[in-house]
Amino acid sequence: MNVSSKPTSRSDGVEAVLARFRQNGGRITSARRAIVSVLLEGDEHQHATAEEVAARIQLAHPEIAVSTVYRSLDALEELGVLEHLHVGHGPTVYHLAHQRHIHLVCRQCGGVADVPGETLDALGADILDLHGFAIEPRHFAINGLCRDCLASGPVRGDVSGGETDELPRPHTH
């Protein structure tokens, strides 16, 4: 099964991701299956810290040691199934690497939006042409203000140009 195709169920999604892992020479274990299952919960692009993944796995599989979860996260990343990401000043988060995307992080509300990976292709080509440097944007997030925070009015360190002393206005998402 092609990993980039839309699975019909979560178990199909788990099997598709594990098939990719197997193709790259990985061994399927109950811990690795559980990690993939956790990262497929909810949103299409679940982002979770190692601690969050371990806590969720411990609920369903208390026999899987936390150290095993950490080692499995590393193994899944080495074989291209997972990627890690640094979102702001918080802990590293992990997500499935089955779809190339870029992370936009709102510095005011902390929201994370995923945008298609092609969004930075032109910029990447320019950087390569001008500086001989190939960017790999999958391990970092682009920080800024989301649409809702921009609409809420001036904020400290406003990206629109001028600094302001006004505090951010609270809102809900």
Protein backbone atom coordinates (compact mmCIF):
# COMPACT_ATOMS: atom_id res chain seq x y z
CA MET A 1 0.00 0.00 0.00
CA ASN A 2 1.28 3.49 -0.81
CA VAL A 3 1.77 5.42 2.44
CA SER A 4 0.72 8.72 0.87
CA SER A 5 -2.68 7.32 -0.11
CA LYS A 6 -5.62 7.96 2.22
CA PRO A 7 -6.20 4.91 4.40
CA THR A 8 -9.77 3.80 4.89
CA SER A 9 -9.38 3.27 8.64
CA ARG A 10 -6.90 3.96 11.42
CA SER A 11 -5.72 0.33 11.36
CA ASP A 12 -5.11 0.64 7.60
CA GLY A 13 -3.14 3.81 8.32
CA VAL A 14 -1.03 2.04 10.94
CA GLU A 15 -0.34 -0.83 8.53
CA ALA A 16 0.57 1.59 5.73
CA VAL A 17 3.09 3.42 7.92
CA LEU A 18 4.52 0.16 9.25
CA ALA A 19 4.86 -1.15 5.69
CA ARG A 20 7.09 1.84 4.93
CA PHE A 21 9.11 1.10 8.06
CA ARG A 22 9.44 -2.55 6.99
CA GLN A 23 10.53 -1.50 3.45
CA ASN A 24 13.36 0.52 4.99
CA GLY A 25 14.59 -2.51 6.93
CA GLY A 26 12.83 -1.92 10.23
CA ARG A 27 11.46 -4.61 12.51
CA ILE A 28 7.85 -4.22 13.63
CA THR A 29 7.38 -4.42 17.39
CA SER A 30 4.37 -3.83 19.60
CA ALA A 31 5.92 -0.56 20.83
CA ARG A 32 6.45 0.72 17.28
CA ARG A 33 2.91 -0.27 16.31
CA ALA A 34 1.58 1.53 19.41
CA ILE A 35 3.57 4.71 18.62
CA VAL A 36 2.26 4.87 15.07
CA SER A 37 -1.27 4.27 16.35
CA VAL A 38 -0.93 7.13 18.88
CA LEU A 39 0.37 9.50 16.20
CA LEU A 40 -2.55 8.61 13.92
CA GLU A 41 -5.14 9.49 16.61
CA GLY A 42 -7.23 12.58 16.01
CA ASP A 43 -5.82 14.99 13.47
CA GLU A 44 -4.16 13.87 10.28
CA HIS A 45 -0.96 15.54 11.52
CA GLN A 46 -0.72 14.63 15.19
CA HIS A 47 2.21 16.37 16.90
CA ALA A 48 3.18 14.90 20.27
CA THR A 49 6.15 15.07 22.61
CA ALA A 50 7.94 11.87 23.56
CA GLU A 51 6.41 12.20 27.02
CA GLU A 52 2.89 12.48 25.58
CA VAL A 53 3.42 9.47 23.33
CA ALA A 54 4.79 7.44 26.24
CA ALA A 55 1.90 8.43 28.53
CA ARG A 56 -0.72 7.45 25.91
CA ILE A 57 1.01 4.13 25.26
CA GLN A 58 1.27 3.39 28.99
CA LEU A 59 -2.52 3.75 29.30
CA ALA A 60 -3.18 1.00 26.78
CA HIS A 61 0.07 -0.99 27.08
CA PRO A 62 1.56 -0.68 30.59
CA GLU A 63 3.93 -3.54 29.74
CA ILE A 64 5.79 -1.30 27.25
CA ALA A 65 8.57 0.50 29.13
CA VAL A 66 9.01 4.25 28.66
CA SER A 67 12.65 3.66 27.63
CA THR A 68 11.37 1.36 24.87
CA VAL A 69 9.12 4.15 23.60
CA TYR A 70 12.09 6.54 23.41
CA ARG A 71 14.26 4.01 21.59
CA SER A 72 11.39 3.22 19.21
CA LEU A 73 10.86 6.91 18.44
CA ASP A 74 14.54 7.16 17.49
CA ALA A 75 14.37 4.02 15.34
CA LEU A 76 11.20 5.18 13.57
CA GLU A 77 12.83 8.53 12.85
CA GLU A 78 16.07 6.99 11.57
CA LEU A 79 14.09 4.95 9.05
CA GLY A 80 12.07 7.95 7.85
CA VAL A 81 8.70 7.07 9.39
CA LEU A 82 8.74 9.91 11.94
CA GLU A 83 10.23 13.37 12.01
CA HIS A 84 10.98 15.53 14.99
CA LEU A 85 10.27 19.22 15.13
CA HIS A 86 11.27 22.10 17.38
CA VAL A 87 8.20 24.25 18.02
CA GLY A 88 9.16 27.47 19.73
CA HIS A 89 10.84 27.03 23.10
CA GLY A 90 8.88 23.92 24.03
CA PRO A 91 9.94 20.30 23.90
CA THR A 92 10.62 18.46 20.67
CA VAL A 93 7.49 17.02 19.07
CA TYR A 94 7.17 14.05 16.73
CA HIS A 95 4.87 13.49 13.78
CA LEU A 96 4.50 10.99 10.96
CA ALA A 97 6.62 11.79 7.91
CA HIS A 98 4.10 10.42 5.41
CA GLN A 99 3.23 13.85 4.04
CA ARG A 100 5.67 16.72 3.54
CA HIS A 101 4.46 19.88 5.27
CA ILE A 102 5.72 22.99 7.01
CA HIS A 103 4.69 24.13 10.48
CA LEU A 104 3.53 27.65 11.21
CA VAL A 105 3.46 28.44 14.93
CA CYS A 106 1.58 31.42 16.33
CA ARG A 107 3.78 33.11 18.92
CA GLN A 108 0.74 34.58 20.66
CA CYS A 109 -1.74 31.71 21.02
CA GLY A 110 0.63 28.78 20.38
CA GLY A 111 -1.51 27.35 17.59
CA VAL A 112 0.24 25.19 14.97
CA ALA A 113 -0.89 25.15 11.35
CA ASP A 114 0.42 22.73 8.74
CA VAL A 115 0.89 24.04 5.20
CA PRO A 116 1.93 22.09 2.10
CA GLY A 117 5.66 21.44 1.79
CA GLU A 118 5.74 23.09 -1.62
CA THR A 119 5.09 26.44 0.06
CA LEU A 120 8.84 27.03 0.55
CA ASP A 121 10.06 25.46 -2.69
CA ALA A 122 10.64 28.80 -4.46
CA LEU A 123 12.44 30.26 -1.44
CA GLY A 124 14.54 27.09 -1.16
CA ALA A 125 15.52 27.36 -4.84
CA ASP A 126 16.50 31.03 -4.34
CA ILE A 127 18.63 30.20 -1.30
CA LEU A 128 20.31 27.38 -3.20
CA ASP A 129 21.01 29.62 -6.22
CA LEU A 130 22.23 32.60 -4.20
CA HIS A 131 24.06 30.88 -1.36
CA GLY A 132 24.71 27.29 -2.43
CA PHE A 133 22.74 26.08 0.58
CA ALA A 134 19.91 23.53 0.45
CA ILE A 135 17.34 24.12 3.17
CA GLU A 136 15.66 21.28 5.07
CA PRO A 137 12.63 22.97 6.65
CA ARG A 138 11.10 19.87 8.18
CA HIS A 139 12.88 20.22 11.56
CA PHE A 140 11.82 23.72 12.47
CA ALA A 141 8.74 25.86 12.64
CA ILE A 142 8.10 29.28 11.17
CA ASN A 143 6.96 31.58 13.93
CA GLY A 144 4.57 34.48 13.47
CA LEU A 145 0.98 35.42 14.13
CA CYS A 146 -2.06 33.44 13.00
CA ARG A 147 -5.00 35.03 11.24
CA ASP A 148 -7.05 35.28 14.45
CA CYS A 149 -4.24 36.90 16.45
CA LEU A 150 -3.54 39.37 13.66
CA ALA A 151 -7.22 40.28 13.62
CA SER A 152 -7.29 40.78 17.40
CA GLY A 153 -5.29 44.00 17.09
CA PRO A 154 -1.80 45.22 18.03
CA VAL A 155 0.40 42.85 19.97
CA ARG A 156 3.79 43.22 21.67
CA GLY A 157 6.48 42.84 19.02
CA ASP A 158 3.92 43.20 16.21
CA VAL A 159 5.23 41.77 12.92
CA SER A 160 3.43 44.48 10.95
CA GLY A 161 6.30 46.87 11.50
CA GLY A 162 6.18 48.88 14.70
CA GLU A 163 6.60 47.87 18.30
CA THR A 164 3.69 48.49 20.62
CA ASP A 165 3.28 48.44 24.36
CA GLU A 166 -0.24 47.00 24.17
CA LEU A 167 -0.63 43.52 25.60
CA PRO A 168 -2.10 40.75 23.47
CA ARG A 169 -5.87 40.53 23.52
CA PRO A 170 -7.19 37.11 24.54
CA HIS A 171 -9.39 35.17 22.15
CA THR A 172 -10.54 31.62 21.62
CA HIS A 173 -9.85 29.28 18.71
